[in-house]
Amino acid sequence: MTAAVPTDAELIAAHAAGDGSAFSELVRRHRDRMWAVALRTLRDPEEAADALQDAFISAFRAAGNFRAESQVTTWLHRIVVNACLDRMRRRQARPTVPLPETGQGEPATPRDSMADRETKLVVQAALDQLPEDQRAPIVLVDVEGYSVSETAKLLGIAEGTVKSRCARGRAKLAKVLGHLRNPDAIANVPTSESKRRGEAR
């Protein structure tokens, strides 16, 4: 008979008890999924790799305090998200990436990978401008697709708090993204100075 495959919780317990290979097995099981989370959140492979390494180091050290009140994957996900948010805080001053000029008659098809990439850059730049307490729930709910209740558990806050922070964050994103996606609209709005010059003519 083959030995039963240990559960994630059993691996955590074995690691805490001194099993040198238990945590490596846990990383092997969940690395791909956690990597995808970090990459989607940070949009930068190098930053994502560093965040993932930081997260697994934190998980390694904190495994002894794990309580089986939640799934191991939820616990890991929360650590990865927190590591990503730490990375975001460190790069707040990162300049936004300018979008290439395109003709007005060039429609973006759903499968236009370049348009998709440009949109992601714009959205990431906008996310970088949000306060951290609003960015985290926005990333989890609107980017990662988690429910409000799941997001509340991941961040350790109330569901009502998730909803209110998402609402405030979305309102700010609408303004920021409108500015980034339509720079000509801002440029064409006459200022008080230009109005005075026009009236003086």
Protein backbone atom coordinates (compact mmCIF):
# COMPACT_ATOMS: atom_id res chain seq x y z
CA MET A 1 0.00 0.00 0.00
CA THR A 2 1.17 3.48 -0.82
CA ALA A 3 1.42 6.02 1.96
CA ALA A 4 -1.38 8.54 2.16
CA VAL A 5 -0.51 11.94 0.72
CA PRO A 6 -0.32 14.45 3.58
CA THR A 7 -2.72 17.38 3.54
CA ASP A 8 -1.49 20.97 3.50
CA ALA A 9 -2.35 21.33 7.18
CA GLU A 10 -0.39 18.17 7.98
CA LEU A 11 2.61 19.53 6.09
CA ILE A 12 2.45 22.75 8.08
CA ALA A 13 2.31 20.78 11.32
CA ALA A 14 5.20 18.57 10.23
CA HIS A 15 7.28 21.62 9.32
CA ALA A 16 6.57 23.17 12.73
CA ALA A 17 7.62 19.88 14.33
CA GLY A 18 10.99 19.99 12.57
CA ASP A 19 10.43 18.05 9.33
CA GLY A 20 12.98 19.58 6.95
CA SER A 21 11.18 18.56 3.76
CA ALA A 22 7.56 19.40 4.65
CA PHE A 23 7.70 23.07 3.76
CA SER A 24 9.46 22.38 0.47
CA GLU A 25 6.58 20.10 -0.50
CA LEU A 26 4.10 22.82 0.41
CA VAL A 27 5.96 25.30 -1.78
CA ARG A 28 6.04 22.80 -4.65
CA ARG A 29 2.27 22.36 -4.45
CA HIS A 30 1.36 26.02 -4.40
CA ARG A 31 4.22 27.90 -6.04
CA ASP A 32 2.60 28.15 -9.50
CA ARG A 33 -0.68 29.49 -8.14
CA MET A 34 1.01 31.96 -5.81
CA TRP A 35 3.32 33.07 -8.63
CA ALA A 36 0.26 33.82 -10.78
CA VAL A 37 -1.24 35.88 -7.95
CA ALA A 38 1.97 37.90 -7.49
CA LEU A 39 2.40 38.46 -11.23
CA ARG A 40 -1.19 39.60 -11.76
CA THR A 41 -0.95 41.93 -8.79
CA LEU A 42 2.42 43.52 -9.58
CA ARG A 43 2.55 43.17 -13.41
CA ASP A 44 6.34 42.88 -13.22
CA PRO A 45 8.08 39.45 -13.28
CA GLU A 46 11.09 40.63 -11.28
CA GLU A 47 8.96 42.34 -8.64
CA ALA A 48 6.64 39.34 -8.51
CA ALA A 49 9.55 36.93 -8.05
CA ASP A 50 10.96 39.04 -5.22
CA ALA A 51 7.54 39.35 -3.58
CA LEU A 52 6.97 35.60 -3.83
CA GLN A 53 10.35 34.90 -2.25
CA ASP A 54 9.59 37.34 0.57
CA ALA A 55 6.19 35.70 1.05
CA PHE A 56 7.54 32.17 1.31
CA ILE A 57 10.23 33.29 3.75
CA SER A 58 7.51 34.90 5.88
CA ALA A 59 5.37 31.76 5.63
CA PHE A 60 8.33 29.57 6.60
CA ARG A 61 8.91 31.63 9.72
CA ALA A 62 5.22 31.98 10.64
CA ALA A 63 4.17 28.38 9.96
CA GLY A 64 4.44 27.49 13.63
CA ASN A 65 1.70 30.03 14.40
CA PHE A 66 -0.69 28.72 11.73
CA ARG A 67 -4.12 27.82 13.08
CA ALA A 68 -6.42 25.57 11.09
CA GLU A 69 -9.20 28.18 11.18
CA SER A 70 -8.68 28.78 7.45
CA GLN A 71 -7.34 26.86 4.48
CA VAL A 72 -3.57 26.80 4.02
CA THR A 73 -4.07 28.26 0.53
CA THR A 74 -5.99 31.21 2.01
CA TRP A 75 -3.23 31.75 4.56
CA LEU A 76 -0.55 31.63 1.85
CA HIS A 77 -2.54 33.89 -0.44
CA ARG A 78 -2.86 36.51 2.26
CA ILE A 79 0.90 36.43 2.87
CA VAL A 80 1.60 36.77 -0.87
CA VAL A 81 -0.84 39.68 -1.23
CA ASN A 82 0.75 41.46 1.74
CA ALA A 83 4.21 40.94 0.22
CA CYS A 84 2.94 42.42 -3.06
CA LEU A 85 1.48 45.43 -1.25
CA ASP A 86 4.84 45.97 0.44
CA ARG A 87 6.43 46.02 -3.02
CA MET A 88 3.81 48.48 -4.25
CA ARG A 89 4.58 50.83 -1.36
CA ARG A 90 8.26 50.80 -2.28
CA ARG A 91 7.64 51.84 -5.87
CA GLN A 92 5.00 54.53 -5.40
CA ALA A 93 7.21 57.03 -7.18
CA ARG A 94 7.59 54.79 -10.25
CA PRO A 95 6.75 56.84 -13.39
CA THR A 96 3.85 55.72 -15.51
CA VAL A 97 4.57 54.21 -18.91
CA PRO A 98 3.46 56.47 -21.79
CA LEU A 99 1.11 54.92 -24.29
CA PRO A 100 2.08 54.90 -27.97
CA GLU A 101 0.05 57.14 -30.23
CA THR A 102 -2.59 55.41 -32.31
CA GLY A 103 -4.88 56.63 -35.03
CA GLN A 104 -8.51 57.28 -34.22
CA GLY A 105 -9.59 54.81 -36.87
CA GLU A 106 -7.75 51.87 -35.34
CA PRO A 107 -10.25 49.73 -33.41
CA ALA A 108 -8.90 47.55 -30.62
CA THR A 109 -10.20 44.02 -31.02
CA PRO A 110 -10.75 41.77 -27.97
CA ARG A 111 -7.80 39.66 -29.04
CA ASP A 112 -5.44 42.58 -29.60
CA SER A 113 -2.63 41.59 -27.25
CA MET A 114 -0.87 44.95 -27.59
CA ALA A 115 -4.04 46.82 -26.63
CA ASP A 116 -4.52 44.46 -23.69
CA ARG A 117 -0.95 45.06 -22.52
CA GLU A 118 -1.37 48.83 -22.81
CA THR A 119 -4.60 48.68 -20.85
CA LYS A 120 -2.92 46.67 -18.09
CA LEU A 121 -0.13 49.25 -17.86
CA VAL A 122 -2.66 52.06 -17.53
CA VAL A 123 -4.66 50.19 -14.89
CA GLN A 124 -1.52 49.31 -12.91
CA ALA A 125 -0.38 52.93 -12.97
CA ALA A 126 -3.79 53.98 -11.71
CA LEU A 127 -3.73 51.33 -8.97
CA ASP A 128 -0.37 52.64 -7.84
CA GLN A 129 -2.01 55.98 -7.05
CA LEU A 130 -4.62 54.52 -4.71
CA PRO A 131 -4.11 54.50 -0.95
CA GLU A 132 -2.92 51.08 0.19
CA ASP A 133 -6.09 50.34 2.17
CA GLN A 134 -8.17 50.80 -0.99
CA ARG A 135 -5.73 49.16 -3.39
CA ALA A 136 -5.70 45.80 -1.61
CA PRO A 137 -9.46 45.09 -1.81
CA ILE A 138 -9.62 46.47 -5.37
CA VAL A 139 -6.85 44.07 -6.46
CA LEU A 140 -8.48 41.10 -4.78
CA VAL A 141 -12.08 41.77 -5.87
CA ASP A 142 -11.68 43.40 -9.28
CA VAL A 143 -8.36 41.93 -10.44
CA GLU A 144 -8.22 38.54 -8.75
CA GLY A 145 -11.96 37.89 -8.80
CA TYR A 146 -12.43 37.08 -5.12
CA SER A 147 -15.81 37.62 -3.49
CA VAL A 148 -16.31 40.31 -0.87
CA SER A 149 -16.48 37.70 1.89
CA GLU A 150 -13.30 35.97 0.70
CA THR A 151 -11.51 39.31 0.47
CA ALA A 152 -12.62 40.22 3.98
CA LYS A 153 -11.10 36.99 5.29
CA LEU A 154 -7.86 37.46 3.33
CA LEU A 155 -7.36 41.01 4.62
CA GLY A 156 -8.79 40.44 8.09
CA ILE A 157 -11.37 43.21 7.82
CA ALA A 158 -15.18 43.38 7.81
CA GLU A 159 -17.17 42.79 4.62
CA GLY A 160 -18.68 46.26 4.92
CA THR A 161 -15.19 47.73 5.05
CA VAL A 162 -14.26 45.86 1.86
CA LYS A 163 -17.34 47.24 0.09
CA SER A 164 -16.76 50.82 1.18
CA ARG A 165 -13.05 50.76 0.32
CA CYS A 166 -13.80 49.24 -3.08
CA ALA A 167 -16.42 51.91 -3.73
CA ARG A 168 -14.03 54.73 -2.84
CA GLY A 169 -11.20 53.13 -4.79
CA ARG A 170 -13.34 52.62 -7.89
CA ALA A 171 -14.48 56.24 -7.79
CA LYS A 172 -10.86 57.40 -7.73
CA LEU A 173 -9.87 54.93 -10.46
CA ALA A 174 -12.66 56.24 -12.70
CA LYS A 175 -11.20 59.74 -12.46
CA VAL A 176 -7.58 58.67 -12.83
CA LEU A 177 -8.23 56.28 -15.69
CA GLY A 178 -10.34 58.88 -17.44
CA HIS A 179 -7.39 61.27 -17.31
CA LEU A 180 -4.87 58.65 -18.46
CA ARG A 181 -7.01 57.27 -21.25
CA ASN A 182 -8.20 60.67 -22.52
CA PRO A 183 -5.30 63.13 -22.16
CA ASP A 184 -6.64 65.27 -25.03
CA ALA A 185 -9.84 65.91 -23.09
CA ILE A 186 -7.83 67.57 -20.34
CA ALA A 187 -5.55 69.38 -22.78
CA ASN A 188 -8.51 70.88 -24.64
CA VAL A 189 -10.21 72.29 -21.55
CA PRO A 190 -9.53 76.05 -21.53
CA THR A 191 -7.86 77.36 -18.40
CA SER A 192 -8.73 80.67 -16.78
CA GLU A 193 -5.49 82.09 -18.15
CA SER A 194 -6.26 81.00 -21.72
CA LYS A 195 -9.78 82.46 -21.34
CA ARG A 196 -8.34 85.79 -20.29
CA ARG A 197 -5.95 85.79 -23.24
CA GLY A 198 -8.86 85.02 -25.55
CA GLU A 199 -10.98 87.82 -24.14
CA ALA A 200 -8.09 90.27 -24.44
CA ARG A 201 -7.84 89.67 -28.19
